[in-house]
Amino acid sequence: GANGQIITTSNHVGTHMDGEIHFHASGRSIGQVPMTEWIGPGAIVDISDAVDDYGLYSPEMLM
């Protein structure tokens, strides 16, 4: 058998990284950002009961 699934997501979810210059003229390009800054601790938090699809939320709004 086969397990096939379709996943629909935003094009900015896990597909690429942009340098700071993408957001701020004085920021670093992606080539100037050391790889040691690309990774760090992470967490998976299920907030699906508190948000709507495609909404914008700050951490303070979810506390």
PDB file of N, CA and C in Angstrom:
ATOM      1  N   GLY A   1       0.813  -1.176   0.000  1.00  0.00           N
ATOM      2  CA  GLY A   1       0.000   0.000   0.000  1.00  0.00           C
ATOM      3  C   GLY A   1       0.860   1.244   0.000  1.00  0.00           C
ATOM      4  N   ALA A   2       0.221   2.348  -0.181  1.00  0.00           N
ATOM      5  CA  ALA A   2       0.900   3.642  -0.195  1.00  0.00           C
ATOM      6  C   ALA A   2       0.158   4.606   0.716  1.00  0.00           C
ATOM      7  N   ASN A   3       0.892   5.526   1.275  1.00  0.00           N
ATOM      8  CA  ASN A   3       0.314   6.568   2.110  1.00  0.00           C
ATOM      9  C   ASN A   3       0.567   7.889   1.404  1.00  0.00           C
ATOM     10  N   GLY A   4      -0.451   8.460   0.796  1.00  0.00           N
ATOM     11  CA  GLY A   4      -0.312   9.735   0.103  1.00  0.00           C
ATOM     12  C   GLY A   4      -1.082  10.819   0.821  1.00  0.00           C
ATOM     13  N   GLN A   5      -0.466  11.976   0.948  1.00  0.00           N
ATOM     14  CA  GLN A   5      -1.112  13.098   1.619  1.00  0.00           C
ATOM     15  C   GLN A   5      -0.860  14.369   0.823  1.00  0.00           C
ATOM     16  N   ILE A   6      -1.759  15.326   0.946  1.00  0.00           N
ATOM     17  CA  ILE A   6      -1.588  16.648   0.372  1.00  0.00           C
ATOM     18  C   ILE A   6      -1.468  17.628   1.529  1.00  0.00           C
ATOM     19  N   ILE A   7      -0.419  18.431   1.511  1.00  0.00           N
ATOM     20  CA  ILE A   7      -0.201  19.432   2.549  1.00  0.00           C
ATOM     21  C   ILE A   7      -0.215  20.802   1.885  1.00  0.00           C
ATOM     22  N   THR A   8      -1.034  21.710   2.389  1.00  0.00           N
ATOM     23  CA  THR A   8      -1.104  23.069   1.876  1.00  0.00           C
ATOM     24  C   THR A   8      -0.560  24.005   2.944  1.00  0.00           C
ATOM     25  N   THR A   9       0.380  24.866   2.565  1.00  0.00           N
ATOM     26  CA  THR A   9       1.004  25.760   3.531  1.00  0.00           C
ATOM     27  C   THR A   9       1.447  27.045   2.844  1.00  0.00           C
ATOM     28  N   SER A  10       1.814  28.027   3.611  1.00  0.00           N
ATOM     29  CA  SER A  10       2.357  29.276   3.095  1.00  0.00           C
ATOM     30  C   SER A  10       3.730  29.020   2.486  1.00  0.00           C
ATOM     31  N   ASN A  11       4.101  29.812   1.496  1.00  0.00           N
ATOM     32  CA  ASN A  11       5.422  29.637   0.888  1.00  0.00           C
ATOM     33  C   ASN A  11       6.552  30.124   1.792  1.00  0.00           C
ATOM     34  N   HIS A  12       6.234  30.732   2.920  1.00  0.00           N
ATOM     35  CA  HIS A  12       7.266  31.189   3.843  1.00  0.00           C
ATOM     36  C   HIS A  12       7.388  30.293   5.076  1.00  0.00           C
ATOM     37  N   VAL A  13       6.892  29.095   5.006  1.00  0.00           N
ATOM     38  CA  VAL A  13       6.978  28.167   6.128  1.00  0.00           C
ATOM     39  C   VAL A  13       8.031  27.112   5.816  1.00  0.00           C
ATOM     40  N   GLY A  14       9.211  27.287   6.360  1.00  0.00           N
ATOM     41  CA  GLY A  14      10.246  26.270   6.252  1.00  0.00           C
ATOM     42  C   GLY A  14      10.860  26.075   4.886  1.00  0.00           C
ATOM     43  N   THR A  15      10.628  26.989   3.948  1.00  0.00           N
ATOM     44  CA  THR A  15      11.140  26.772   2.600  1.00  0.00           C
ATOM     45  C   THR A  15      12.462  27.455   2.334  1.00  0.00           C
ATOM     46  N   HIS A  16      12.733  28.533   3.034  1.00  0.00           N
ATOM     47  CA  HIS A  16      13.953  29.282   2.772  1.00  0.00           C
ATOM     48  C   HIS A  16      14.231  30.235   3.927  1.00  0.00           C
ATOM     49  N   MET A  17      15.407  30.867   3.847  1.00  0.00           N
ATOM     50  CA  MET A  17      15.761  31.890   4.825  1.00  0.00           C
ATOM     51  C   MET A  17      16.117  33.159   4.074  1.00  0.00           C
ATOM     52  N   ASP A  18      15.801  34.297   4.659  1.00  0.00           N
ATOM     53  CA  ASP A  18      16.192  35.589   4.110  1.00  0.00           C
ATOM     54  C   ASP A  18      17.158  36.247   5.077  1.00  0.00           C
ATOM     55  N   GLY A  19      18.100  36.992   4.530  1.00  0.00           N
ATOM     56  CA  GLY A  19      18.999  37.774   5.368  1.00  0.00           C
ATOM     57  C   GLY A  19      18.253  38.950   5.982  1.00  0.00           C
ATOM     58  N   GLU A  20      18.870  39.558   6.979  1.00  0.00           N
ATOM     59  CA  GLU A  20      18.261  40.712   7.647  1.00  0.00           C
ATOM     60  C   GLU A  20      17.986  41.839   6.660  1.00  0.00           C
ATOM     61  N   ILE A  21      18.826  41.940   5.633  1.00  0.00           N
ATOM     62  CA  ILE A  21      18.687  43.012   4.645  1.00  0.00           C
ATOM     63  C   ILE A  21      17.349  42.927   3.905  1.00  0.00           C
ATOM     64  N   HIS A  22      16.741  41.768   3.928  1.00  0.00           N
ATOM     65  CA  HIS A  22      15.421  41.589   3.317  1.00  0.00           C
ATOM     66  C   HIS A  22      14.369  42.426   4.047  1.00  0.00           C
ATOM     67  N   PHE A  23      14.621  42.711   5.322  1.00  0.00           N
ATOM     68  CA  PHE A  23      13.667  43.447   6.148  1.00  0.00           C
ATOM     69  C   PHE A  23      14.155  44.832   6.549  1.00  0.00           C
ATOM     70  N   HIS A  24      15.488  45.017   6.644  1.00  0.00           N
ATOM     71  CA  HIS A  24      16.079  46.281   7.089  1.00  0.00           C
ATOM     72  C   HIS A  24      17.256  46.617   6.181  1.00  0.00           C
ATOM     73  N   ALA A  25      17.294  47.837   5.665  1.00  0.00           N
ATOM     74  CA  ALA A  25      18.353  48.242   4.734  1.00  0.00           C
ATOM     75  C   ALA A  25      19.745  48.102   5.341  1.00  0.00           C
ATOM     76  N   SER A  26      19.864  48.237   6.653  1.00  0.00           N
ATOM     77  CA  SER A  26      21.177  48.143   7.293  1.00  0.00           C
ATOM     78  C   SER A  26      21.517  46.720   7.739  1.00  0.00           C
ATOM     79  N   GLY A  27      20.655  45.761   7.430  1.00  0.00           N
ATOM     80  CA  GLY A  27      20.865  44.377   7.870  1.00  0.00           C
ATOM     81  C   GLY A  27      21.909  43.635   7.052  1.00  0.00           C
ATOM     82  N   ARG A  28      22.269  42.450   7.534  1.00  0.00           N
ATOM     83  CA  ARG A  28      23.245  41.599   6.857  1.00  0.00           C
ATOM     84  C   ARG A  28      22.562  40.774   5.769  1.00  0.00           C
ATOM     85  N   SER A  29      23.327  40.484   4.712  1.00  0.00           N
ATOM     86  CA  SER A  29      22.824  39.555   3.701  1.00  0.00           C
ATOM     87  C   SER A  29      22.897  38.149   4.284  1.00  0.00           C
ATOM     88  N   ILE A  30      22.223  37.194   3.657  1.00  0.00           N
ATOM     89  CA  ILE A  30      22.229  35.826   4.178  1.00  0.00           C
ATOM     90  C   ILE A  30      23.648  35.265   4.219  1.00  0.00           C
ATOM     91  N   GLY A  31      24.496  35.680   3.290  1.00  0.00           N
ATOM     92  CA  GLY A  31      25.882  35.218   3.280  1.00  0.00           C
ATOM     93  C   GLY A  31      26.723  35.777   4.408  1.00  0.00           C
ATOM     94  N   GLN A  32      26.263  36.857   5.020  1.00  0.00           N
ATOM     95  CA  GLN A  32      26.983  37.465   6.140  1.00  0.00           C
ATOM     96  C   GLN A  32      26.530  36.933   7.499  1.00  0.00           C
ATOM     97  N   VAL A  33      25.470  36.173   7.523  1.00  0.00           N
ATOM     98  CA  VAL A  33      24.956  35.626   8.783  1.00  0.00           C
ATOM     99  C   VAL A  33      25.623  34.275   9.028  1.00  0.00           C
ATOM    100  N   PRO A  34      26.408  34.135  10.110  1.00  0.00           N
ATOM    101  CA  PRO A  34      27.074  32.859  10.386  1.00  0.00           C
ATOM    102  C   PRO A  34      26.067  31.722  10.571  1.00  0.00           C
ATOM    103  N   MET A  35      26.424  30.543  10.092  1.00  0.00           N
ATOM    104  CA  MET A  35      25.529  29.391  10.202  1.00  0.00           C
ATOM    105  C   MET A  35      25.176  29.075  11.652  1.00  0.00           C
ATOM    106  N   THR A  36      26.039  29.463  12.593  1.00  0.00           N
ATOM    107  CA  THR A  36      25.747  29.211  14.008  1.00  0.00           C
ATOM    108  C   THR A  36      24.525  29.996  14.479  1.00  0.00           C
ATOM    109  N   GLU A  37      24.129  31.036  13.736  1.00  0.00           N
ATOM    110  CA  GLU A  37      22.938  31.810  14.084  1.00  0.00           C
ATOM    111  C   GLU A  37      21.683  31.272  13.410  1.00  0.00           C
ATOM    112  N   TRP A  38      21.818  30.282  12.559  1.00  0.00           N
ATOM    113  CA  TRP A  38      20.675  29.749  11.816  1.00  0.00           C
ATOM    114  C   TRP A  38      19.883  28.718  12.611  1.00  0.00           C
ATOM    115  N   ILE A  39      20.457  28.177  13.651  1.00  0.00           N
ATOM    116  CA  ILE A  39      19.793  27.119  14.405  1.00  0.00           C
ATOM    117  C   ILE A  39      19.777  27.447  15.886  1.00  0.00           C
ATOM    118  N   GLY A  40      18.884  26.827  16.613  1.00  0.00           N
ATOM    119  CA  GLY A  40      18.807  27.031  18.050  1.00  0.00           C
ATOM    120  C   GLY A  40      17.724  26.148  18.624  1.00  0.00           C
ATOM    121  N   PRO A  41      17.474  26.282  19.905  1.00  0.00           N
ATOM    122  CA  PRO A  41      16.444  25.466  20.535  1.00  0.00           C
ATOM    123  C   PRO A  41      15.080  25.747  19.908  1.00  0.00           C
ATOM    124  N   GLY A  42      14.248  24.760  19.891  1.00  0.00           N
ATOM    125  CA  GLY A  42      12.909  24.917  19.333  1.00  0.00           C
ATOM    126  C   GLY A  42      11.873  24.244  20.205  1.00  0.00           C
ATOM    127  N   ALA A  43      10.635  24.518  19.904  1.00  0.00           N
ATOM    128  CA  ALA A  43       9.526  23.904  20.634  1.00  0.00           C
ATOM    129  C   ALA A  43       8.341  23.774  19.690  1.00  0.00           C
ATOM    130  N   ILE A  44       7.538  22.765  19.912  1.00  0.00           N
ATOM    131  CA  ILE A  44       6.282  22.600  19.189  1.00  0.00           C
ATOM    132  C   ILE A  44       5.167  22.886  20.180  1.00  0.00           C
ATOM    133  N   VAL A  45       4.345  23.864  19.862  1.00  0.00           N
ATOM    134  CA  VAL A  45       3.268  24.278  20.752  1.00  0.00           C
ATOM    135  C   VAL A  45       1.965  24.259  19.959  1.00  0.00           C
ATOM    136  N   ASP A  46       0.998  23.498  20.411  1.00  0.00           N
ATOM    137  CA  ASP A  46      -0.295  23.420  19.733  1.00  0.00           C
ATOM    138  C   ASP A  46      -1.197  24.535  20.246  1.00  0.00           C
ATOM    139  N   ILE A  47      -1.377  25.567  19.427  1.00  0.00           N
ATOM    140  CA  ILE A  47      -2.256  26.684  19.786  1.00  0.00           C
ATOM    141  C   ILE A  47      -3.470  26.727  18.856  1.00  0.00           C
ATOM    142  N   SER A  48      -3.750  25.614  18.203  1.00  0.00           N
ATOM    143  CA  SER A  48      -4.818  25.581  17.206  1.00  0.00           C
ATOM    144  C   SER A  48      -6.187  25.942  17.781  1.00  0.00           C
ATOM    145  N   ASP A  49      -6.385  25.724  19.067  1.00  0.00           N
ATOM    146  CA  ASP A  49      -7.678  26.067  19.665  1.00  0.00           C
ATOM    147  C   ASP A  49      -7.793  27.555  19.987  1.00  0.00           C
ATOM    148  N   ALA A  50      -6.697  28.307  19.855  1.00  0.00           N
ATOM    149  CA  ALA A  50      -6.695  29.723  20.220  1.00  0.00           C
ATOM    150  C   ALA A  50      -6.548  30.660  19.025  1.00  0.00           C
ATOM    151  N   VAL A  51      -6.372  30.129  17.817  1.00  0.00           N
ATOM    152  CA  VAL A  51      -6.111  30.971  16.651  1.00  0.00           C
ATOM    153  C   VAL A  51      -6.976  30.564  15.463  1.00  0.00           C
ATOM    154  N   ASP A  52      -7.041  31.450  14.479  1.00  0.00           N
ATOM    155  CA  ASP A  52      -7.720  31.171  13.220  1.00  0.00           C
ATOM    156  C   ASP A  52      -6.669  30.976  12.129  1.00  0.00           C
ATOM    157  N   ASP A  53      -7.063  30.412  11.010  1.00  0.00           N
ATOM    158  CA  ASP A  53      -6.154  30.263   9.882  1.00  0.00           C
ATOM    159  C   ASP A  53      -5.700  31.632   9.384  1.00  0.00           C
ATOM    160  N   TYR A  54      -4.428  31.770   9.132  1.00  0.00           N
ATOM    161  CA  TYR A  54      -3.819  32.962   8.531  1.00  0.00           C
ATOM    162  C   TYR A  54      -3.909  34.210   9.392  1.00  0.00           C
ATOM    163  N   GLY A  55      -4.171  34.086  10.670  1.00  0.00           N
ATOM    164  CA  GLY A  55      -4.199  35.239  11.553  1.00  0.00           C
ATOM    165  C   GLY A  55      -2.790  35.634  11.972  1.00  0.00           C
ATOM    166  N   LEU A  56      -2.633  36.848  12.447  1.00  0.00           N
ATOM    167  CA  LEU A  56      -1.360  37.323  12.978  1.00  0.00           C
ATOM    168  C   LEU A  56      -1.502  37.459  14.481  1.00  0.00           C
ATOM    169  N   TYR A  57      -0.569  36.860  15.218  1.00  0.00           N
ATOM    170  CA  TYR A  57      -0.655  36.834  16.668  1.00  0.00           C
ATOM    171  C   TYR A  57       0.714  37.086  17.269  1.00  0.00           C
ATOM    172  N   SER A  58       0.751  37.801  18.367  1.00  0.00           N
ATOM    173  CA  SER A  58       1.987  37.979  19.123  1.00  0.00           C
ATOM    174  C   SER A  58       1.965  36.999  20.293  1.00  0.00           C
ATOM    175  N   PRO A  59       3.121  36.671  20.845  1.00  0.00           N
ATOM    176  CA  PRO A  59       3.139  35.768  22.006  1.00  0.00           C
ATOM    177  C   PRO A  59       2.280  36.295  23.162  1.00  0.00           C
ATOM    178  N   GLU A  60       2.269  37.622  23.327  1.00  0.00           N
ATOM    179  CA  GLU A  60       1.493  38.211  24.419  1.00  0.00           C
ATOM    180  C   GLU A  60      -0.009  37.969  24.244  1.00  0.00           C
ATOM    181  N   MET A  61      -0.484  37.919  23.007  1.00  0.00           N
ATOM    182  CA  MET A  61      -1.907  37.699  22.752  1.00  0.00           C
ATOM    183  C   MET A  61      -2.340  36.289  23.131  1.00  0.00           C
ATOM    184  N   LEU A  62      -1.404  35.363  23.184  1.00  0.00           N
ATOM    185  CA  LEU A  62      -1.732  33.970  23.456  1.00  0.00           C
ATOM    186  C   LEU A  62      -1.526  33.580  24.910  1.00  0.00           C
ATOM    187  N   MET A  63      -1.056  34.504  25.729  1.00  0.00           N
ATOM    188  CA  MET A  63      -0.804  34.207  27.140  1.00  0.00           C
ATOM    189  C   MET A  63      -2.090  34.260  27.926  1.00  0.00           C
TER     190      MET A  63
END
